Amino acid sequence: MDASTFYALFSATCFTLTGLWWNVVRARTDWMADTAIRRTIGGVYLSFLLPALMGLFAQVGGTESPLIWRLSFVVISVVGAVSMLRLVSQARGDRTARAMRWTQLGTVVVYAAIAIIGVAPQLAAPLGLSGIQVGALLLIVLVALGHALVWRFMVTDEAGRGGDE
């Protein structure tokens, strides 16, 4: 599969996941009453929205205009990493489950790796891949972590609070 086709399917999937997440949230109005839970909901939302946006920019830039995808990956990854770091820093005080905090921290690491590939795509060469291909693999990991966040959020009592400090 070529990168353009992958990113087209990937973006559409991520936007669908974003919409599905909002349907879940809309059905659970009790979640919106708690500031900590709202923050976690927003973190899950970004775990699907930001990769979708990166996928769109990768389609626009592709191999013809690599600066577009590279710059967007860096900027969007910085936004994602900073947002998730804020969640992680507040999570312990919010009584967020340890597994949820570790998953959030994992997303920060993946965002950092995506930003690094955006800055220096030549780092992918030893793997026999292009920068945009490694970016695609990292985005897959990011969405998998988003799914892990949803899972932890949905199966933990009190929407992500586990009391396992």
C-alpha atoms as a PDB file:
ATOM      1  CA  MET A   1       0.000   0.000   0.000  1.00  0.00           C
ATOM      2  CA  ASP A   2       1.385   3.388  -0.866  1.00  0.00           C
ATOM      3  CA  ALA A   3       1.650   6.095   1.797  1.00  0.00           C
ATOM      4  CA  SER A   4      -1.102   8.275   0.302  1.00  0.00           C
ATOM      5  CA  THR A   5      -3.653   5.443   0.422  1.00  0.00           C
ATOM      6  CA  PHE A   6      -2.610   4.525   3.942  1.00  0.00           C
ATOM      7  CA  TYR A   7      -2.953   8.081   5.208  1.00  0.00           C
ATOM      8  CA  ALA A   8      -6.346   8.500   3.507  1.00  0.00           C
ATOM      9  CA  LEU A   9      -7.709   5.395   5.219  1.00  0.00           C
ATOM     10  CA  PHE A  10      -5.964   6.226   8.470  1.00  0.00           C
ATOM     11  CA  SER A  11      -7.372   9.765   8.670  1.00  0.00           C
ATOM     12  CA  ALA A  12     -10.896   8.624   7.894  1.00  0.00           C
ATOM     13  CA  THR A  13     -10.624   5.924  10.556  1.00  0.00           C
ATOM     14  CA  CYS A  14      -9.310   8.372  13.162  1.00  0.00           C
ATOM     15  CA  PHE A  15     -12.069  10.884  12.441  1.00  0.00           C
ATOM     16  CA  THR A  16     -14.599   8.056  12.788  1.00  0.00           C
ATOM     17  CA  LEU A  17     -13.065   7.078  16.133  1.00  0.00           C
ATOM     18  CA  THR A  18     -13.269  10.714  17.233  1.00  0.00           C
ATOM     19  CA  GLY A  19     -16.985  10.774  16.411  1.00  0.00           C
ATOM     20  CA  LEU A  20     -17.603   7.455  18.135  1.00  0.00           C
ATOM     21  CA  TRP A  21     -15.825   8.722  21.252  1.00  0.00           C
ATOM     22  CA  TRP A  22     -18.032  11.805  21.339  1.00  0.00           C
ATOM     23  CA  ASN A  23     -21.119   9.600  21.112  1.00  0.00           C
ATOM     24  CA  VAL A  24     -19.882   7.650  24.135  1.00  0.00           C
ATOM     25  CA  VAL A  25     -19.201  10.880  26.023  1.00  0.00           C
ATOM     26  CA  ARG A  26     -22.575  12.355  25.100  1.00  0.00           C
ATOM     27  CA  ALA A  27     -24.289   9.270  26.492  1.00  0.00           C
ATOM     28  CA  ARG A  28     -22.470   9.673  29.822  1.00  0.00           C
ATOM     29  CA  THR A  29     -23.461  13.174  30.920  1.00  0.00           C
ATOM     30  CA  ASP A  30     -22.363  12.356  34.484  1.00  0.00           C
ATOM     31  CA  TRP A  31     -18.739  12.384  33.297  1.00  0.00           C
ATOM     32  CA  MET A  32     -18.905  16.063  32.371  1.00  0.00           C
ATOM     33  CA  ALA A  33     -19.638  17.070  35.973  1.00  0.00           C
ATOM     34  CA  ASP A  34     -16.093  16.204  37.085  1.00  0.00           C
ATOM     35  CA  THR A  35     -13.161  18.371  35.953  1.00  0.00           C
ATOM     36  CA  ALA A  36     -10.634  15.533  36.154  1.00  0.00           C
ATOM     37  CA  ILE A  37     -12.810  13.233  34.072  1.00  0.00           C
ATOM     38  CA  ARG A  38     -13.375  15.999  31.512  1.00  0.00           C
ATOM     39  CA  ARG A  39      -9.593  16.380  31.181  1.00  0.00           C
ATOM     40  CA  THR A  40      -9.205  12.643  30.594  1.00  0.00           C
ATOM     41  CA  ILE A  41     -12.019  12.714  28.029  1.00  0.00           C
ATOM     42  CA  GLY A  42     -10.186  15.497  26.230  1.00  0.00           C
ATOM     43  CA  GLY A  43      -6.963  13.487  26.255  1.00  0.00           C
ATOM     44  CA  VAL A  44      -8.712  10.536  24.643  1.00  0.00           C
ATOM     45  CA  TYR A  45     -10.260  12.889  22.090  1.00  0.00           C
ATOM     46  CA  LEU A  46      -6.847  14.265  21.155  1.00  0.00           C
ATOM     47  CA  SER A  47      -5.491  10.714  20.826  1.00  0.00           C
ATOM     48  CA  PHE A  48      -7.753  10.296  17.800  1.00  0.00           C
ATOM     49  CA  LEU A  49      -8.065  13.856  16.463  1.00  0.00           C
ATOM     50  CA  LEU A  50      -4.364  14.738  16.297  1.00  0.00           C
ATOM     51  CA  PRO A  51      -3.336  11.588  14.374  1.00  0.00           C
ATOM     52  CA  ALA A  52      -6.237  12.240  11.989  1.00  0.00           C
ATOM     53  CA  LEU A  53      -4.907  15.732  11.331  1.00  0.00           C
ATOM     54  CA  MET A  54      -1.366  14.444  10.815  1.00  0.00           C
ATOM     55  CA  GLY A  55      -2.742  11.936   8.332  1.00  0.00           C
ATOM     56  CA  LEU A  56      -4.466  14.694   6.371  1.00  0.00           C
ATOM     57  CA  PHE A  57      -1.296  16.763   6.233  1.00  0.00           C
ATOM     58  CA  ALA A  58       0.681  13.698   5.140  1.00  0.00           C
ATOM     59  CA  GLN A  59      -1.754  13.267   2.262  1.00  0.00           C
ATOM     60  CA  VAL A  60      -1.392  16.895   1.217  1.00  0.00           C
ATOM     61  CA  GLY A  61       2.386  16.902   1.518  1.00  0.00           C
ATOM     62  CA  GLY A  62       3.294  13.338   0.715  1.00  0.00           C
ATOM     63  CA  THR A  63       6.549  12.791  -1.077  1.00  0.00           C
ATOM     64  CA  GLU A  64       6.033  15.774  -3.398  1.00  0.00           C
ATOM     65  CA  SER A  65       6.089  18.397  -0.625  1.00  0.00           C
ATOM     66  CA  PRO A  66       7.669  16.708   2.392  1.00  0.00           C
ATOM     67  CA  LEU A  67       7.980  19.970   4.294  1.00  0.00           C
ATOM     68  CA  ILE A  68       4.180  20.013   4.744  1.00  0.00           C
ATOM     69  CA  TRP A  69       3.956  16.637   6.458  1.00  0.00           C
ATOM     70  CA  ARG A  70       7.201  17.137   8.359  1.00  0.00           C
ATOM     71  CA  LEU A  71       6.215  20.517   9.767  1.00  0.00           C
ATOM     72  CA  SER A  72       2.693  19.366  10.612  1.00  0.00           C
ATOM     73  CA  PHE A  73       4.001  16.254  12.367  1.00  0.00           C
ATOM     74  CA  VAL A  74       6.320  18.379  14.498  1.00  0.00           C
ATOM     75  CA  VAL A  75       3.744  21.047  15.394  1.00  0.00           C
ATOM     76  CA  ILE A  76       0.882  18.629  16.049  1.00  0.00           C
ATOM     77  CA  SER A  77       3.136  16.276  18.032  1.00  0.00           C
ATOM     78  CA  VAL A  78       4.291  19.136  20.239  1.00  0.00           C
ATOM     79  CA  VAL A  79       0.644  20.067  20.883  1.00  0.00           C
ATOM     80  CA  GLY A  80      -0.177  16.435  21.686  1.00  0.00           C
ATOM     81  CA  ALA A  81       2.859  15.898  23.911  1.00  0.00           C
ATOM     82  CA  VAL A  82       2.309  19.100  25.880  1.00  0.00           C
ATOM     83  CA  SER A  83      -1.390  18.348  26.305  1.00  0.00           C
ATOM     84  CA  MET A  84      -0.716  14.815  27.476  1.00  0.00           C
ATOM     85  CA  LEU A  85       2.100  15.941  29.787  1.00  0.00           C
ATOM     86  CA  ARG A  86      -0.373  18.309  31.435  1.00  0.00           C
ATOM     87  CA  LEU A  87      -2.751  15.391  31.949  1.00  0.00           C
ATOM     88  CA  VAL A  88       0.003  13.216  33.377  1.00  0.00           C
ATOM     89  CA  SER A  89       1.111  15.968  35.754  1.00  0.00           C
ATOM     90  CA  GLN A  90      -2.433  16.386  37.074  1.00  0.00           C
ATOM     91  CA  ALA A  91      -3.393  12.707  36.994  1.00  0.00           C
ATOM     92  CA  ARG A  92      -1.947  11.652  40.339  1.00  0.00           C
ATOM     93  CA  GLY A  93      -3.833  14.400  42.160  1.00  0.00           C
ATOM     94  CA  ASP A  94      -6.965  13.455  40.215  1.00  0.00           C
ATOM     95  CA  ARG A  95      -6.663   9.861  41.453  1.00  0.00           C
ATOM     96  CA  THR A  96      -6.326   8.639  37.868  1.00  0.00           C
ATOM     97  CA  ALA A  97      -5.450   4.952  37.709  1.00  0.00           C
ATOM     98  CA  ARG A  98      -1.747   4.161  37.437  1.00  0.00           C
ATOM     99  CA  ALA A  99      -2.262   2.159  34.210  1.00  0.00           C
ATOM    100  CA  MET A 100      -4.003   5.158  32.683  1.00  0.00           C
ATOM    101  CA  ARG A 101      -1.130   7.454  33.694  1.00  0.00           C
ATOM    102  CA  TRP A 102       1.451   5.083  32.185  1.00  0.00           C
ATOM    103  CA  THR A 103      -0.527   4.891  28.958  1.00  0.00           C
ATOM    104  CA  GLN A 104      -0.719   8.687  28.843  1.00  0.00           C
ATOM    105  CA  LEU A 105       3.023   8.864  29.393  1.00  0.00           C
ATOM    106  CA  GLY A 106       3.517   6.370  26.570  1.00  0.00           C
ATOM    107  CA  THR A 107       1.658   8.704  24.221  1.00  0.00           C
ATOM    108  CA  VAL A 108       4.072  11.489  25.149  1.00  0.00           C
ATOM    109  CA  VAL A 109       6.983   9.259  24.126  1.00  0.00           C
ATOM    110  CA  VAL A 110       5.331   8.401  20.808  1.00  0.00           C
ATOM    111  CA  TYR A 111       4.532  12.067  20.120  1.00  0.00           C
ATOM    112  CA  ALA A 112       8.202  12.866  20.775  1.00  0.00           C
ATOM    113  CA  ALA A 113       9.289  10.146  18.332  1.00  0.00           C
ATOM    114  CA  ILE A 114       6.900  11.498  15.678  1.00  0.00           C
ATOM    115  CA  ALA A 115       8.296  15.003  16.142  1.00  0.00           C
ATOM    116  CA  ILE A 116      11.847  13.678  15.841  1.00  0.00           C
ATOM    117  CA  ILE A 117      10.973  11.889  12.578  1.00  0.00           C
ATOM    118  CA  GLY A 118       9.402  15.113  11.336  1.00  0.00           C
ATOM    119  CA  VAL A 119      12.596  17.022  12.083  1.00  0.00           C
ATOM    120  CA  ALA A 120      15.001  14.329  10.874  1.00  0.00           C
ATOM    121  CA  PRO A 121      13.278  11.805   8.571  1.00  0.00           C
ATOM    122  CA  GLN A 122      16.686  10.491   7.503  1.00  0.00           C
ATOM    123  CA  LEU A 123      16.804   8.664  10.852  1.00  0.00           C
ATOM    124  CA  ALA A 124      14.445   6.131   9.268  1.00  0.00           C
ATOM    125  CA  ALA A 125      16.974   5.162   6.561  1.00  0.00           C
ATOM    126  CA  PRO A 126      18.765   2.442   8.607  1.00  0.00           C
ATOM    127  CA  LEU A 127      15.399   0.706   8.918  1.00  0.00           C
ATOM    128  CA  GLY A 128      15.020   0.668   5.142  1.00  0.00           C
ATOM    129  CA  LEU A 129      11.986   2.934   5.426  1.00  0.00           C
ATOM    130  CA  SER A 130      11.207   6.518   4.565  1.00  0.00           C
ATOM    131  CA  GLY A 131      10.405   9.084   7.230  1.00  0.00           C
ATOM    132  CA  ILE A 132       6.766   9.196   6.195  1.00  0.00           C
ATOM    133  CA  GLN A 133       6.559   5.397   6.566  1.00  0.00           C
ATOM    134  CA  VAL A 134       8.042   5.476  10.070  1.00  0.00           C
ATOM    135  CA  GLY A 135       5.629   8.313  10.853  1.00  0.00           C
ATOM    136  CA  ALA A 136       2.778   6.033   9.749  1.00  0.00           C
ATOM    137  CA  LEU A 137       3.973   3.237  12.026  1.00  0.00           C
ATOM    138  CA  LEU A 138       4.247   5.632  14.961  1.00  0.00           C
ATOM    139  CA  LEU A 139       0.746   6.971  14.291  1.00  0.00           C
ATOM    140  CA  ILE A 140      -0.556   3.400  14.395  1.00  0.00           C
ATOM    141  CA  VAL A 141       1.059   3.011  17.825  1.00  0.00           C
ATOM    142  CA  LEU A 142      -0.444   6.331  18.907  1.00  0.00           C
ATOM    143  CA  VAL A 143      -3.952   5.228  17.936  1.00  0.00           C
ATOM    144  CA  ALA A 144      -3.398   1.876  19.673  1.00  0.00           C
ATOM    145  CA  LEU A 145      -2.487   3.819  22.817  1.00  0.00           C
ATOM    146  CA  GLY A 146      -5.650   5.883  22.321  1.00  0.00           C
ATOM    147  CA  HIS A 147      -7.623   2.652  22.279  1.00  0.00           C
ATOM    148  CA  ALA A 148      -5.842   1.574  25.449  1.00  0.00           C
ATOM    149  CA  LEU A 149      -6.867   4.870  27.064  1.00  0.00           C
ATOM    150  CA  VAL A 150     -10.471   4.279  26.055  1.00  0.00           C
ATOM    151  CA  TRP A 151     -10.350   0.738  27.398  1.00  0.00           C
ATOM    152  CA  ARG A 152      -8.858   1.803  30.728  1.00  0.00           C
ATOM    153  CA  PHE A 153     -11.317   4.667  30.970  1.00  0.00           C
ATOM    154  CA  MET A 154     -14.323   2.470  30.231  1.00  0.00           C
ATOM    155  CA  VAL A 155     -13.471  -0.478  32.483  1.00  0.00           C
ATOM    156  CA  THR A 156     -12.103   1.372  35.498  1.00  0.00           C
ATOM    157  CA  ASP A 157     -14.512   2.425  38.208  1.00  0.00           C
ATOM    158  CA  GLU A 158     -15.306   6.129  38.259  1.00  0.00           C
ATOM    159  CA  ALA A 159     -14.163   6.689  34.673  1.00  0.00           C
ATOM    160  CA  GLY A 160     -10.435   6.155  34.864  1.00  0.00           C
ATOM    161  CA  ARG A 161      -9.944   6.371  38.604  1.00  0.00           C
ATOM    162  CA  GLY A 162      -8.519   3.226  39.920  1.00  0.00           C
ATOM    163  CA  GLY A 163      -7.322   4.079  43.368  1.00  0.00           C
ATOM    164  CA  ASP A 164      -4.071   2.237  42.598  1.00  0.00           C
ATOM    165  CA  GLU A 165      -1.825   5.106  43.551  1.00  0.00           C
END
